[in-house]
Protein backbone atom coordinates (compact mmCIF):
# COMPACT_ATOMS: atom_id res chain seq x y z
CA MET A 1 76.83 47.99 84.78
CA LYS A 2 74.01 49.83 86.45
CA ALA A 3 72.24 48.24 89.40
CA PRO A 4 68.48 47.62 89.23
CA VAL A 5 68.03 50.26 91.91
CA SER A 6 65.97 53.40 92.28
CA ALA A 7 67.90 55.72 94.60
CA ILE A 8 65.56 58.00 96.54
CA VAL A 9 66.76 61.27 98.07
CA VAL A 10 64.07 63.20 99.95
CA CYS A 11 64.76 66.91 100.43
CA TRP A 12 63.08 69.58 102.48
CA SER A 13 64.54 73.04 102.05
CA ALA A 14 67.95 71.47 101.39
CA ASP A 15 70.96 73.23 99.90
CA PRO A 16 71.20 72.16 96.23
CA ASP A 17 75.01 72.11 96.45
CA THR A 18 74.84 69.68 99.37
CA VAL A 19 72.41 67.40 97.53
CA ARG A 20 74.59 67.64 94.42
CA GLY A 21 77.39 66.02 96.43
CA THR A 22 75.00 63.25 97.44
CA VAL A 23 73.98 62.66 93.82
CA GLU A 24 77.60 62.66 92.66
CA SER A 25 78.41 59.99 95.24
CA LEU A 26 75.61 57.87 93.74
CA LEU A 27 76.88 58.38 90.22
CA ALA A 28 80.37 57.32 91.36
CA GLN A 29 79.17 53.92 92.64
CA THR A 30 80.83 50.79 91.29
CA ARG A 31 77.24 49.73 90.54
CA PRO A 32 75.39 53.05 90.13
CA PRO A 33 71.60 53.09 90.46
CA ALA A 34 69.53 52.90 87.32
CA GLU A 35 67.67 56.03 88.38
CA ILE A 36 68.00 58.75 91.00
CA LEU A 37 64.79 60.31 92.30
CA ILE A 38 65.11 63.72 93.92
CA VAL A 39 61.95 64.38 95.91
CA ASP A 40 61.20 67.97 96.85
CA ASN A 41 59.08 67.48 99.95
CA HIS A 42 58.16 71.14 99.99
CA PRO A 43 55.37 73.43 98.73
CA GLU A 44 57.85 74.80 96.18
CA PRO A 45 60.33 72.63 94.22
CA LEU A 46 63.73 73.83 95.33
CA VAL A 47 66.31 71.15 94.57
CA GLY A 48 65.38 68.58 91.94
CA GLY A 49 64.83 71.08 89.15
CA VAL A 50 68.07 72.89 89.93
CA LEU A 51 70.05 69.66 89.71
CA ALA A 52 68.30 68.53 86.54
CA ASP A 53 68.90 71.92 84.93
CA ALA A 54 72.56 71.57 85.85
CA GLY A 55 72.74 68.43 83.74
CA LEU A 56 72.69 65.79 86.46
CA PRO A 57 70.77 62.63 85.45
CA VAL A 58 68.04 62.83 88.08
CA ARG A 59 64.27 62.50 88.06
CA ALA A 60 62.93 65.56 89.83
CA MET A 61 59.57 65.18 91.53
CA ALA A 62 57.62 67.33 93.93
CA THR A 63 55.08 66.33 96.55
CA GLY A 64 53.40 69.74 96.53
CA SER A 65 53.56 70.07 100.32
CA ASN A 66 55.61 68.86 103.26
CA LEU A 67 54.32 65.32 103.72
CA GLY A 68 56.99 64.41 106.24
CA TYR A 69 59.87 62.07 105.46
CA PRO A 70 58.10 58.65 105.58
CA LYS A 71 55.20 59.70 103.37
CA ALA A 72 57.57 61.39 100.92
CA CYS A 73 59.45 58.08 100.70
CA ASN A 74 56.14 56.31 100.00
CA PHE A 75 55.39 58.92 97.32
CA ALA A 76 58.71 58.21 95.59
CA ALA A 77 58.52 54.42 95.98
CA GLU A 78 55.16 54.36 94.16
CA ARG A 79 56.83 56.08 91.19
CA ALA A 80 60.12 54.15 91.22
CA THR A 81 60.71 51.88 88.21
CA GLN A 82 63.34 49.50 89.61
CA PRO A 83 63.01 46.37 91.81
CA TRP A 84 65.24 47.80 94.57
CA LEU A 85 64.89 51.02 96.55
CA PHE A 86 67.89 52.78 98.08
CA PHE A 87 66.95 55.52 100.53
CA LEU A 88 69.82 57.96 101.12
CA ASN A 89 69.82 61.12 103.24
CA PRO A 90 70.31 64.35 101.28
CA ASP A 91 73.37 65.31 103.35
CA ALA A 92 75.12 61.93 103.04
CA ARG A 93 77.97 60.74 100.82
CA ALA A 94 78.06 57.08 99.86
CA ASP A 95 81.38 55.28 99.52
CA PRO A 96 81.86 54.08 95.90
CA GLU A 97 81.31 50.43 96.85
CA CYS A 98 78.38 51.07 99.19
CA LEU A 99 75.54 50.04 96.92
CA GLU A 100 77.36 47.04 95.50
CA ARG A 101 78.15 45.72 98.98
CA LEU A 102 74.54 46.19 100.11
CA LEU A 103 73.23 44.31 97.08
CA ASP A 104 75.76 41.51 97.56
CA ALA A 105 74.57 41.06 101.16
CA CYS A 106 70.99 40.40 100.11
CA ASP A 107 69.96 36.80 99.60
CA ASP A 108 66.38 35.80 98.87
CA ASP A 109 65.37 36.06 102.54
CA VAL A 110 66.64 39.61 103.11
CA ALA A 111 64.21 42.50 102.90
CA VAL A 112 66.36 45.29 104.35
CA ALA A 113 70.11 45.99 104.23
CA GLY A 114 71.66 48.93 106.03
CA ALA A 115 75.03 50.63 105.70
CA GLN A 116 77.47 51.67 108.40
CA VAL A 117 77.00 55.41 108.87
CA LEU A 118 80.21 57.28 109.69
CA LEU A 119 80.81 60.72 111.13
CA PRO A 120 82.70 63.22 108.92
CA ASP A 121 86.17 62.18 110.12
CA THR A 122 85.31 58.64 108.80
CA THR A 123 86.96 57.01 111.84
CA LYS A 124 83.97 57.02 114.20
CA VAL A 125 80.48 55.61 113.93
CA ASN A 126 77.28 57.61 113.63
CA ALA A 127 75.07 54.50 113.39
CA GLY A 128 75.55 50.79 112.88
CA ASP A 129 73.25 47.91 113.70
CA ASN A 130 70.73 49.87 115.70
CA PRO A 131 69.30 48.26 118.86
CA ILE A 132 65.55 48.10 119.43
CA HIS A 133 64.45 48.22 123.05
CA ILE A 134 61.41 46.27 124.24
CA THR A 135 59.74 49.59 125.09
CA GLY A 136 60.06 50.74 121.47
CA LEU A 137 63.10 52.96 121.88
CA SER A 138 65.93 52.79 119.39
CA TRP A 139 69.22 54.63 119.07
CA SER A 140 72.34 54.89 116.93
CA GLY A 141 74.21 51.64 117.40
CA ARG A 142 77.91 51.96 118.37
CA TYR A 143 77.66 55.76 118.32
CA LEU A 144 81.12 57.40 118.61
CA GLU A 145 82.89 54.03 118.63
CA PRO A 146 85.64 53.29 116.06
CA ARG A 147 84.41 52.26 112.62
CA GLU A 148 84.16 48.53 112.27
CA ASP A 149 85.00 46.03 109.58
CA GLY A 150 83.43 42.65 109.02
CA PRO A 151 80.92 40.62 107.04
CA PRO A 152 77.19 41.34 106.93
CA ARG A 153 75.24 40.23 109.98
CA GLU A 154 71.61 40.00 111.00
CA ALA A 155 70.32 42.93 113.03
CA ALA A 156 67.20 44.14 114.79
CA GLY A 157 67.38 47.47 113.00
CA VAL A 158 69.54 49.57 110.67
CA SER A 159 69.75 53.27 109.96
CA GLY A 160 67.37 54.88 107.49
CA ALA A 161 70.17 57.24 106.43
CA ALA A 162 71.30 54.58 103.92
CA LEU A 163 68.82 51.73 103.61
CA LEU A 164 68.33 49.29 100.72
CA MET A 165 65.07 47.39 100.36
CA ARG A 166 63.32 45.34 97.74
CA LYS A 167 60.42 47.29 96.31
CA ALA A 168 58.23 44.19 96.54
CA ASP A 169 58.95 43.89 100.27
CA PHE A 170 58.34 47.60 100.82
CA GLU A 171 54.98 47.32 99.09
CA ALA A 172 54.06 44.06 100.85
CA ILE A 173 54.23 45.67 104.29
CA GLY A 174 52.45 48.83 103.13
CA GLY A 175 55.49 51.10 102.98
CA HIS A 176 56.13 53.48 105.85
CA SER A 177 53.55 53.87 108.60
CA PRO A 178 50.82 56.42 107.82
CA GLY A 179 51.04 57.71 111.39
CA PHE A 180 54.58 59.09 111.13
CA PHE A 181 55.79 62.52 110.07
CA MET A 182 59.48 62.02 110.81
CA TYR A 183 61.80 59.87 112.94
CA HIS A 184 61.46 56.25 114.07
CA ASP A 185 60.51 55.14 110.55
CA ASP A 186 63.60 52.97 110.02
CA LEU A 187 63.01 51.06 113.27
CA ASP A 188 59.38 50.45 112.35
CA LEU A 189 60.24 49.37 108.80
CA CYS A 190 62.77 46.82 110.06
CA TRP A 191 60.42 45.56 112.78
CA ARG A 192 57.52 45.01 110.39
CA SER A 193 59.79 43.33 107.83
CA ARG A 194 60.81 40.81 110.48
CA ILE A 195 57.17 40.28 111.53
CA GLY A 196 56.58 39.20 107.94
CA GLY A 197 59.37 36.65 108.10
CA ARG A 198 61.99 38.65 106.23
CA ARG A 199 65.53 39.33 107.41
CA VAL A 200 67.31 42.60 108.19
CA VAL A 201 71.09 42.75 107.74
CA PHE A 202 73.73 45.29 108.67
CA VAL A 203 76.66 45.60 106.24
CA PRO A 204 79.70 47.21 107.92
CA ARG A 205 81.74 47.41 104.70
CA ALA A 206 79.02 49.43 102.99
CA THR A 207 79.65 52.92 104.33
CA ILE A 208 78.35 56.45 104.03
CA VAL A 209 79.51 59.67 105.65
CA HIS A 210 76.87 61.71 107.42
CA ASP A 211 77.29 65.02 109.25
CA TYR A 212 75.17 64.17 112.27
CA GLU A 213 74.24 65.99 115.45
CA PHE A 214 71.70 64.68 117.94
CA THR A 215 69.43 67.64 118.52
CA LYS A 216 67.11 67.46 121.50
CA GLY A 217 64.53 70.04 120.52
CA ALA A 218 61.03 69.68 121.89
CA PHE A 219 59.56 68.95 118.45
CA LYS A 220 61.90 66.00 117.96
CA TRP A 221 60.92 64.49 121.32
CA TYR A 222 57.24 64.80 120.39
CA GLU A 223 57.80 62.92 117.13
CA LEU A 224 59.96 60.23 118.77
CA GLU A 225 57.50 59.56 121.58
CA HIS A 226 54.39 59.71 119.41
CA ASN A 227 55.90 57.29 116.89
CA ARG A 228 57.28 54.98 119.58
CA ILE A 229 53.80 54.48 121.04
CA TRP A 230 52.30 53.98 117.56
CA THR A 231 54.89 51.29 116.87
CA LEU A 232 54.26 49.47 120.15
CA LEU A 233 50.49 49.47 119.72
CA THR A 234 50.58 48.27 116.12
CA ASN A 235 53.55 45.87 115.96
CA TYR A 236 53.33 43.72 119.09
CA GLU A 237 50.93 40.80 119.38
CA ALA A 238 48.09 41.36 121.86
CA ARG A 239 49.47 38.83 124.33
CA THR A 240 52.88 40.53 124.28
CA LEU A 241 51.29 43.91 124.99
CA ILE A 242 49.45 42.37 127.95
CA LEU A 243 52.61 40.77 129.33
CA LEU A 244 54.56 43.99 128.82
CA ALA A 245 51.84 46.32 130.13
CA PRO A 246 53.30 46.86 133.64
CA ILE A 247 56.72 47.64 132.18
CA LEU A 248 55.34 49.91 129.48
CA LEU A 249 53.25 51.85 131.99
CA ALA A 250 56.22 52.21 134.35
CA PHE A 251 58.33 53.36 131.42
CA GLU A 252 55.75 56.00 130.50
CA VAL A 253 55.99 57.37 134.04
CA ALA A 254 59.79 57.40 133.80
CA ILE A 255 59.76 59.15 130.42
CA ALA A 256 57.25 61.69 131.72
CA ALA A 257 59.55 62.45 134.67
CA LEU A 258 62.49 62.79 132.28
CA SER A 259 60.50 65.16 130.07
CA ILE A 260 59.68 67.35 133.08
CA ARG A 261 63.33 67.37 134.10
CA ASP A 262 64.57 68.25 130.61
CA GLY A 263 61.85 70.73 129.65
CA TRP A 264 59.75 68.90 127.04
CA TRP A 265 56.81 67.86 129.22
CA ALA A 266 54.39 69.79 126.98
CA GLU A 267 55.53 67.76 123.99
CA LYS A 268 55.14 64.50 125.90
CA ARG A 269 51.55 65.41 126.77
CA ARG A 270 50.94 66.43 123.18
CA GLY A 271 52.12 62.99 122.07
CA TRP A 272 49.68 61.25 124.39
CA ARG A 273 46.80 63.42 123.17
CA ALA A 274 47.69 62.70 119.54
CA VAL A 275 47.72 58.95 120.12
CA VAL A 276 44.27 59.11 121.75
CA ARG A 277 42.96 61.24 118.90
CA GLU A 278 44.39 58.82 116.31
CA ARG A 279 43.13 55.64 117.98
CA GLY A 280 40.95 54.73 114.99
CA ALA A 281 43.88 55.01 112.60
CA ILE A 282 46.05 53.01 115.01
CA ARG A 283 43.48 50.20 115.14
CA ALA A 284 43.27 50.13 111.34
CA TRP A 285 47.04 50.07 110.88
CA ARG A 286 47.37 47.39 113.58
CA ARG A 287 44.96 45.17 111.63
CA HIS A 288 47.07 45.71 108.52
CA VAL A 289 50.34 44.85 110.30
CA GLN A 290 49.01 41.81 112.14
CA SER A 291 47.34 40.42 109.01
CA ARG A 292 50.79 40.07 107.45
CA ARG A 293 52.39 38.36 110.45
CA THR A 294 54.22 35.10 109.85
CA GLN A 295 56.55 35.21 112.87
CA PRO A 296 55.60 35.21 116.57
CA ASP A 297 56.93 37.92 118.85
CA ALA A 298 59.31 35.37 120.37
CA VAL A 299 61.37 35.59 117.17
CA ILE A 300 61.26 39.40 117.15
CA LEU A 301 62.18 39.71 120.84
CA GLU A 302 65.27 37.53 120.42
CA ARG A 303 67.04 40.37 118.61
CA MET A 304 65.71 43.16 120.82
CA THR A 305 67.22 44.35 124.09
CA GLY A 306 66.11 45.37 127.55
CA ARG A 307 69.26 47.41 128.16
CA LEU A 308 69.49 51.14 127.52
CA ASP A 309 73.07 51.52 126.37
CA THR A 310 73.60 54.82 124.56
CA PRO A 311 75.51 58.04 125.34
CA LEU A 312 72.69 60.04 123.74
CA VAL A 313 70.29 59.69 126.67
CA SER A 314 71.24 59.78 130.34
CA ALA A 315 69.03 58.83 133.27
CA PRO A 316 69.80 57.45 136.73
CA GLY A 317 69.43 53.72 137.34
CA THR A 318 69.43 52.66 133.70
CA GLY A 319 72.13 50.03 134.23
CA ALA A 320 70.34 48.08 136.95
CA ALA A 321 66.93 48.50 135.32
CA GLY A 322 68.36 47.34 132.00
CA ALA A 323 69.61 44.09 133.47
CA VAL A 324 66.15 43.36 134.91
CA LEU A 325 64.37 44.29 131.69
CA ASP A 326 66.68 42.15 129.60
CA ALA A 327 66.00 39.18 131.85
CA TYR A 328 62.28 39.82 131.38
CA ARG A 329 62.78 40.03 127.60
CA ARG A 330 64.32 36.55 127.67
CA LEU A 331 61.35 35.31 129.68
CA LEU A 332 58.99 36.86 127.14
CA CYS A 333 60.75 34.95 124.37
CA ARG A 334 59.69 31.74 126.08
CA LEU A 335 56.18 32.91 126.96
CA THR A 336 55.33 34.09 123.43
CA ARG A 337 56.45 31.02 121.49
């Protein structure tokens, strides 16, 4: 029996053979999606038509230009016909039971369910239940640790590499943020879902394999920092932003120093300039987000962290600072009730 799911695979200059493997993993599901949308997020359709011409049962669609990943997902979601949306990276392979296990984990209160993302050897984790730091950072949860087994559990965030969401919930929060081009979109989607009183769950037994490498190019740091600041300014309540202001300002200084050390200072400055230039759009999106709030920040902060615990980013003093910030997070939970 087919699942009432529209699977969405967004491609930009992807290898059709690679995406074919992704599609075949969807067709091999114990509950395959009712439709598979292949989105060519490129000025020229490169993938969807090739796969359709090869006889694969896909709906090929083209955006006409590179909208960036979040907006391409919005483009596809508007055209999806099923009540569930399954976003899957074009270089991922879903285990045959992945979609069924994600669907089974979703009760009426769940808006988002995320899979465990494994590295190619299938024994180590690429991403799990992804932490969200009070300063807006997020990273791959349990990166390089052994794959885990266990029942679904509530999480602050999950990976966008394999993310299931009700279409009604996606539409209710306005889809992906209009301020993003790529990166940080999964964190923001989970955060805003929880603001609206919906749950986010991580499902360890739903797995995909993803060939991942954390690249640290300057462009990526620009996108991460730009989107992090957007998320902070739009998702927190005003009183939380005021209480967090000294920490957020100190963190900006620390990130600036790190960017100078690691050679992406120009991109950090570019991010600041973009945020100032986009202040009108940020105010408008903040009004949209806050108008849909049903939960205070105290509830959101309970599942966040003040600790920076990831092998992907190294900086001196993170252990001691993390302990202090996590204590302050717990204080904020009381102050924002």
